[in-house]
Amino acid sequence: MKPDQPVEEAQVSHGETGVVSLALGVAAVAMYGSPFLSFLPPLIRNFPLYLTLPLGICAIVFGACTLHRMRGDEGADRRRARAGVALGTVTVAVPIILVVWLEWALQR
């Protein structure tokens, strides 16, 4: 590069569309169905439940970072990143709601 050439600003490529966030969110939500696989041994059947919360948090973080980088880019498609954030939020909210409901039910 010659010294008189302008330096281009770093922009989000149109290939970066939040696919990682969406994949993590879908995987986290799908892992909630693992206890219903009755043909598997209990240890293997229940292990994915321990991974749902970390995967949901990662989906939210990756989706938020991707949306932040897409800010100002009119041609960017934000649907996948938003869907990943939404699925991650559902994955994180379900255990919190369940714990609050159980606490409320046990106090009665």
N, C-alpha and C. Protein backbone atom coordinates (compact mmCIF):
# COMPACT_ATOMS: atom_id res chain seq x y z
N MET A 1 0.85 -1.16 0.00
CA MET A 1 0.00 0.00 0.00
C MET A 1 0.90 1.23 0.00
N LYS A 2 0.54 2.18 -0.84
CA LYS A 2 1.31 3.42 -0.93
C LYS A 2 0.84 4.40 0.15
N PRO A 3 1.70 5.30 0.58
CA PRO A 3 1.33 6.23 1.64
C PRO A 3 0.22 7.20 1.24
N ASP A 4 0.03 7.47 -0.04
CA ASP A 4 -0.99 8.44 -0.44
C ASP A 4 -2.37 7.80 -0.62
N GLN A 5 -2.51 6.49 -0.47
CA GLN A 5 -3.80 5.83 -0.61
C GLN A 5 -4.58 5.95 0.70
N PRO A 6 -5.90 6.25 0.62
CA PRO A 6 -6.69 6.35 1.85
C PRO A 6 -6.92 4.98 2.48
N VAL A 7 -6.95 4.96 3.77
CA VAL A 7 -7.20 3.72 4.50
C VAL A 7 -8.71 3.52 4.59
N GLU A 8 -9.17 2.35 4.19
CA GLU A 8 -10.60 2.06 4.23
C GLU A 8 -11.00 1.71 5.67
N GLU A 9 -12.17 2.16 6.05
CA GLU A 9 -12.68 1.84 7.38
C GLU A 9 -13.15 0.40 7.40
N ALA A 10 -12.99 -0.21 8.55
CA ALA A 10 -13.44 -1.59 8.71
C ALA A 10 -14.96 -1.62 8.80
N GLN A 11 -15.57 -2.37 7.91
CA GLN A 11 -17.02 -2.50 7.92
C GLN A 11 -17.38 -3.97 8.04
N VAL A 12 -18.58 -4.21 8.47
CA VAL A 12 -19.06 -5.58 8.59
C VAL A 12 -19.31 -6.14 7.20
N SER A 13 -18.77 -7.32 6.97
CA SER A 13 -19.04 -7.95 5.68
C SER A 13 -20.48 -8.46 5.71
N HIS A 14 -21.07 -8.56 4.56
CA HIS A 14 -22.46 -9.02 4.49
C HIS A 14 -22.55 -10.51 4.79
N GLY A 15 -21.41 -11.22 4.85
CA GLY A 15 -21.41 -12.62 5.22
C GLY A 15 -21.60 -12.81 6.72
N GLU A 16 -21.28 -11.79 7.51
CA GLU A 16 -21.43 -11.87 8.96
C GLU A 16 -22.85 -11.47 9.32
N THR A 17 -23.68 -12.46 9.50
CA THR A 17 -25.10 -12.16 9.67
C THR A 17 -25.68 -12.72 10.95
N GLY A 18 -24.87 -13.14 11.90
CA GLY A 18 -25.39 -13.67 13.14
C GLY A 18 -25.72 -15.13 13.11
N VAL A 19 -25.11 -15.87 12.20
CA VAL A 19 -25.38 -17.30 12.09
C VAL A 19 -24.92 -18.03 13.35
N VAL A 20 -23.80 -17.61 13.92
CA VAL A 20 -23.30 -18.26 15.13
C VAL A 20 -24.29 -18.08 16.28
N SER A 21 -24.79 -16.88 16.43
CA SER A 21 -25.77 -16.60 17.47
C SER A 21 -27.03 -17.44 17.27
N LEU A 22 -27.50 -17.51 16.06
CA LEU A 22 -28.70 -18.30 15.77
C LEU A 22 -28.46 -19.78 16.04
N ALA A 23 -27.32 -20.30 15.64
CA ALA A 23 -27.01 -21.72 15.86
C ALA A 23 -26.92 -22.04 17.35
N LEU A 24 -26.27 -21.16 18.12
CA LEU A 24 -26.17 -21.38 19.56
C LEU A 24 -27.55 -21.32 20.23
N GLY A 25 -28.38 -20.36 19.80
CA GLY A 25 -29.71 -20.25 20.37
C GLY A 25 -30.58 -21.45 20.05
N VAL A 26 -30.53 -21.92 18.83
CA VAL A 26 -31.32 -23.10 18.44
C VAL A 26 -30.83 -24.33 19.19
N ALA A 27 -29.51 -24.49 19.32
CA ALA A 27 -28.98 -25.64 20.05
C ALA A 27 -29.39 -25.60 21.52
N ALA A 28 -29.37 -24.42 22.12
CA ALA A 28 -29.74 -24.30 23.53
C ALA A 28 -31.21 -24.62 23.74
N VAL A 29 -32.07 -24.15 22.88
CA VAL A 29 -33.51 -24.44 23.01
C VAL A 29 -33.77 -25.92 22.73
N ALA A 30 -33.07 -26.50 21.78
CA ALA A 30 -33.27 -27.91 21.45
C ALA A 30 -32.82 -28.83 22.59
N MET A 31 -31.85 -28.37 23.37
CA MET A 31 -31.38 -29.20 24.48
C MET A 31 -32.40 -29.34 25.60
N TYR A 32 -33.40 -28.47 25.63
CA TYR A 32 -34.47 -28.62 26.60
C TYR A 32 -35.30 -29.87 26.34
N GLY A 33 -35.24 -30.40 25.14
CA GLY A 33 -35.99 -31.60 24.81
C GLY A 33 -35.26 -32.88 25.13
N SER A 34 -34.02 -32.81 25.57
CA SER A 34 -33.24 -34.02 25.82
C SER A 34 -33.80 -34.92 26.92
N PRO A 35 -34.44 -34.43 27.98
CA PRO A 35 -35.00 -35.36 28.97
C PRO A 35 -36.12 -36.25 28.44
N PHE A 36 -36.69 -35.90 27.31
CA PHE A 36 -37.77 -36.68 26.74
C PHE A 36 -37.28 -37.84 25.87
N LEU A 37 -35.97 -37.99 25.73
CA LEU A 37 -35.40 -39.09 24.95
C LEU A 37 -35.25 -40.29 25.87
N SER A 38 -36.31 -41.02 26.07
CA SER A 38 -36.35 -42.08 27.08
C SER A 38 -35.47 -43.28 26.74
N PHE A 39 -35.03 -43.43 25.50
CA PHE A 39 -34.22 -44.58 25.13
C PHE A 39 -32.76 -44.41 25.52
N LEU A 40 -32.36 -43.22 25.97
CA LEU A 40 -30.98 -42.98 26.38
C LEU A 40 -30.83 -43.21 27.88
N PRO A 41 -29.62 -43.56 28.34
CA PRO A 41 -29.40 -43.68 29.78
C PRO A 41 -29.57 -42.31 30.46
N PRO A 42 -29.95 -42.29 31.73
CA PRO A 42 -30.24 -41.02 32.41
C PRO A 42 -29.08 -40.02 32.40
N LEU A 43 -27.85 -40.50 32.55
CA LEU A 43 -26.71 -39.59 32.56
C LEU A 43 -26.56 -38.85 31.23
N ILE A 44 -26.69 -39.57 30.14
CA ILE A 44 -26.57 -38.96 28.82
C ILE A 44 -27.81 -38.12 28.50
N ARG A 45 -28.95 -38.55 28.97
CA ARG A 45 -30.20 -37.85 28.69
C ARG A 45 -30.26 -36.49 29.38
N ASN A 46 -29.73 -36.37 30.59
CA ASN A 46 -29.84 -35.14 31.35
C ASN A 46 -28.63 -34.22 31.24
N PHE A 47 -27.51 -34.70 30.71
CA PHE A 47 -26.32 -33.87 30.61
C PHE A 47 -26.52 -32.60 29.78
N PRO A 48 -27.22 -32.63 28.65
CA PRO A 48 -27.38 -31.39 27.87
C PRO A 48 -28.09 -30.26 28.62
N LEU A 49 -28.84 -30.58 29.66
CA LEU A 49 -29.51 -29.53 30.42
C LEU A 49 -28.50 -28.61 31.11
N TYR A 50 -27.32 -29.15 31.42
CA TYR A 50 -26.29 -28.32 32.05
C TYR A 50 -25.66 -27.35 31.06
N LEU A 51 -25.81 -27.60 29.79
CA LEU A 51 -25.21 -26.74 28.77
C LEU A 51 -26.15 -25.67 28.24
N THR A 52 -27.42 -25.74 28.59
CA THR A 52 -28.38 -24.79 28.02
C THR A 52 -28.11 -23.36 28.44
N LEU A 53 -27.83 -23.14 29.72
CA LEU A 53 -27.60 -21.77 30.20
C LEU A 53 -26.34 -21.16 29.59
N PRO A 54 -25.18 -21.87 29.58
CA PRO A 54 -24.01 -21.27 28.92
C PRO A 54 -24.22 -21.01 27.43
N LEU A 55 -24.91 -21.92 26.74
CA LEU A 55 -25.15 -21.70 25.31
C LEU A 55 -26.09 -20.52 25.09
N GLY A 56 -27.08 -20.37 25.94
CA GLY A 56 -27.99 -19.22 25.84
C GLY A 56 -27.28 -17.90 26.06
N ILE A 57 -26.39 -17.87 27.05
CA ILE A 57 -25.62 -16.65 27.31
C ILE A 57 -24.70 -16.34 26.14
N CYS A 58 -24.07 -17.37 25.59
CA CYS A 58 -23.19 -17.15 24.42
C CYS A 58 -24.00 -16.66 23.22
N ALA A 59 -25.19 -17.17 23.03
CA ALA A 59 -26.03 -16.72 21.91
C ALA A 59 -26.38 -15.24 22.07
N ILE A 60 -26.67 -14.82 23.29
CA ILE A 60 -27.00 -13.41 23.52
C ILE A 60 -25.78 -12.53 23.27
N VAL A 61 -24.62 -12.95 23.78
CA VAL A 61 -23.40 -12.14 23.63
C VAL A 61 -22.98 -12.04 22.18
N PHE A 62 -22.94 -13.18 21.46
CA PHE A 62 -22.54 -13.15 20.05
C PHE A 62 -23.53 -12.35 19.21
N GLY A 63 -24.81 -12.51 19.48
CA GLY A 63 -25.82 -11.76 18.73
C GLY A 63 -25.73 -10.26 18.99
N ALA A 64 -25.52 -9.88 20.25
CA ALA A 64 -25.41 -8.46 20.58
C ALA A 64 -24.15 -7.85 19.96
N CYS A 65 -23.06 -8.59 19.97
CA CYS A 65 -21.82 -8.08 19.34
C CYS A 65 -22.00 -7.93 17.83
N THR A 66 -22.65 -8.89 17.21
CA THR A 66 -22.89 -8.80 15.77
C THR A 66 -23.81 -7.63 15.45
N LEU A 67 -24.87 -7.45 16.24
CA LEU A 67 -25.76 -6.31 16.01
C LEU A 67 -25.04 -4.99 16.22
N HIS A 68 -24.13 -4.95 17.19
CA HIS A 68 -23.37 -3.72 17.44
C HIS A 68 -22.47 -3.40 16.24
N ARG A 69 -21.84 -4.44 15.67
CA ARG A 69 -20.98 -4.22 14.51
C ARG A 69 -21.77 -3.86 13.25
N MET A 70 -23.01 -4.30 13.18
CA MET A 70 -23.85 -4.00 12.02
C MET A 70 -24.47 -2.61 12.09
N ARG A 71 -24.34 -1.96 13.22
CA ARG A 71 -24.96 -0.65 13.39
C ARG A 71 -24.43 0.32 12.33
N GLY A 72 -25.32 0.97 11.66
CA GLY A 72 -24.96 1.94 10.63
C GLY A 72 -24.85 1.35 9.24
N ASP A 73 -24.90 0.04 9.11
CA ASP A 73 -24.82 -0.61 7.80
C ASP A 73 -26.24 -0.87 7.33
N GLU A 74 -26.67 -0.11 6.33
CA GLU A 74 -28.05 -0.23 5.87
C GLU A 74 -28.34 -1.56 5.17
N GLY A 75 -27.37 -2.13 4.51
CA GLY A 75 -27.61 -3.35 3.75
C GLY A 75 -27.50 -4.62 4.57
N ALA A 76 -27.20 -4.50 5.85
CA ALA A 76 -27.01 -5.69 6.67
C ALA A 76 -28.35 -6.32 7.03
N ASP A 77 -28.36 -7.63 7.04
CA ASP A 77 -29.56 -8.38 7.41
C ASP A 77 -29.40 -8.81 8.87
N ARG A 78 -30.19 -8.23 9.74
CA ARG A 78 -30.05 -8.43 11.17
C ARG A 78 -30.96 -9.52 11.74
N ARG A 79 -31.73 -10.17 10.90
CA ARG A 79 -32.73 -11.12 11.40
C ARG A 79 -32.13 -12.30 12.14
N ARG A 80 -31.05 -12.86 11.63
CA ARG A 80 -30.45 -14.03 12.29
C ARG A 80 -29.87 -13.66 13.64
N ALA A 81 -29.21 -12.53 13.72
CA ALA A 81 -28.64 -12.10 15.00
C ALA A 81 -29.75 -11.81 16.00
N ARG A 82 -30.81 -11.20 15.58
CA ARG A 82 -31.94 -10.92 16.48
C ARG A 82 -32.61 -12.21 16.93
N ALA A 83 -32.75 -13.16 16.02
CA ALA A 83 -33.35 -14.44 16.39
C ALA A 83 -32.47 -15.18 17.39
N GLY A 84 -31.15 -15.11 17.21
CA GLY A 84 -30.24 -15.73 18.16
C GLY A 84 -30.33 -15.09 19.54
N VAL A 85 -30.44 -13.77 19.58
CA VAL A 85 -30.60 -13.08 20.86
C VAL A 85 -31.93 -13.47 21.51
N ALA A 86 -32.99 -13.56 20.72
CA ALA A 86 -34.30 -13.93 21.26
C ALA A 86 -34.29 -15.36 21.80
N LEU A 87 -33.71 -16.30 21.06
CA LEU A 87 -33.65 -17.68 21.54
C LEU A 87 -32.76 -17.80 22.77
N GLY A 88 -31.67 -17.07 22.79
CA GLY A 88 -30.81 -17.07 23.97
C GLY A 88 -31.52 -16.50 25.18
N THR A 89 -32.30 -15.46 24.98
CA THR A 89 -33.06 -14.86 26.08
C THR A 89 -34.10 -15.84 26.61
N VAL A 90 -34.77 -16.55 25.73
CA VAL A 90 -35.74 -17.56 26.16
C VAL A 90 -35.03 -18.66 26.95
N THR A 91 -33.87 -19.07 26.48
CA THR A 91 -33.12 -20.13 27.14
C THR A 91 -32.67 -19.70 28.54
N VAL A 92 -32.32 -18.46 28.71
CA VAL A 92 -31.89 -17.96 30.01
C VAL A 92 -33.10 -17.69 30.91
N ALA A 93 -34.20 -17.24 30.33
CA ALA A 93 -35.36 -16.87 31.12
C ALA A 93 -36.12 -18.08 31.67
N VAL A 94 -36.13 -19.19 30.97
CA VAL A 94 -36.89 -20.37 31.41
C VAL A 94 -36.42 -20.87 32.77
N PRO A 95 -35.13 -21.08 33.01
CA PRO A 95 -34.73 -21.54 34.36
C PRO A 95 -35.01 -20.51 35.45
N ILE A 96 -34.87 -19.23 35.13
CA ILE A 96 -35.15 -18.20 36.12
C ILE A 96 -36.63 -18.21 36.49
N ILE A 97 -37.49 -18.29 35.50
CA ILE A 97 -38.93 -18.34 35.75
C ILE A 97 -39.29 -19.60 36.53
N LEU A 98 -38.66 -20.72 36.18
CA LEU A 98 -38.94 -21.97 36.86
C LEU A 98 -38.53 -21.90 38.33
N VAL A 99 -37.37 -21.34 38.64
CA VAL A 99 -36.91 -21.22 40.02
C VAL A 99 -37.82 -20.28 40.81
N VAL A 100 -38.21 -19.17 40.22
CA VAL A 100 -39.12 -18.24 40.91
C VAL A 100 -40.48 -18.90 41.16
N TRP A 101 -40.99 -19.61 40.19
CA TRP A 101 -42.28 -20.29 40.36
C TRP A 101 -42.20 -21.37 41.43
N LEU A 102 -41.13 -22.17 41.44
CA LEU A 102 -40.98 -23.20 42.45
C LEU A 102 -40.84 -22.61 43.84
N GLU A 103 -40.09 -21.53 43.97
CA GLU A 103 -39.96 -20.86 45.26
C GLU A 103 -41.31 -20.36 45.74
N TRP A 104 -42.08 -19.78 44.86
CA TRP A 104 -43.40 -19.27 45.21
C TRP A 104 -44.34 -20.42 45.60
N ALA A 105 -44.28 -21.53 44.84
CA ALA A 105 -45.16 -22.65 45.10
C ALA A 105 -44.80 -23.36 46.41
N LEU A 106 -43.53 -23.42 46.74
CA LEU A 106 -43.11 -24.12 47.96
C LEU A 106 -43.39 -23.28 49.22
N GLN A 107 -43.54 -21.99 49.08
CA GLN A 107 -43.82 -21.16 50.23
C GLN A 107 -45.30 -21.20 50.60
N ARG A 108 -46.14 -21.69 49.76
CA ARG A 108 -47.58 -21.76 50.05
C ARG A 108 -47.91 -22.99 50.82
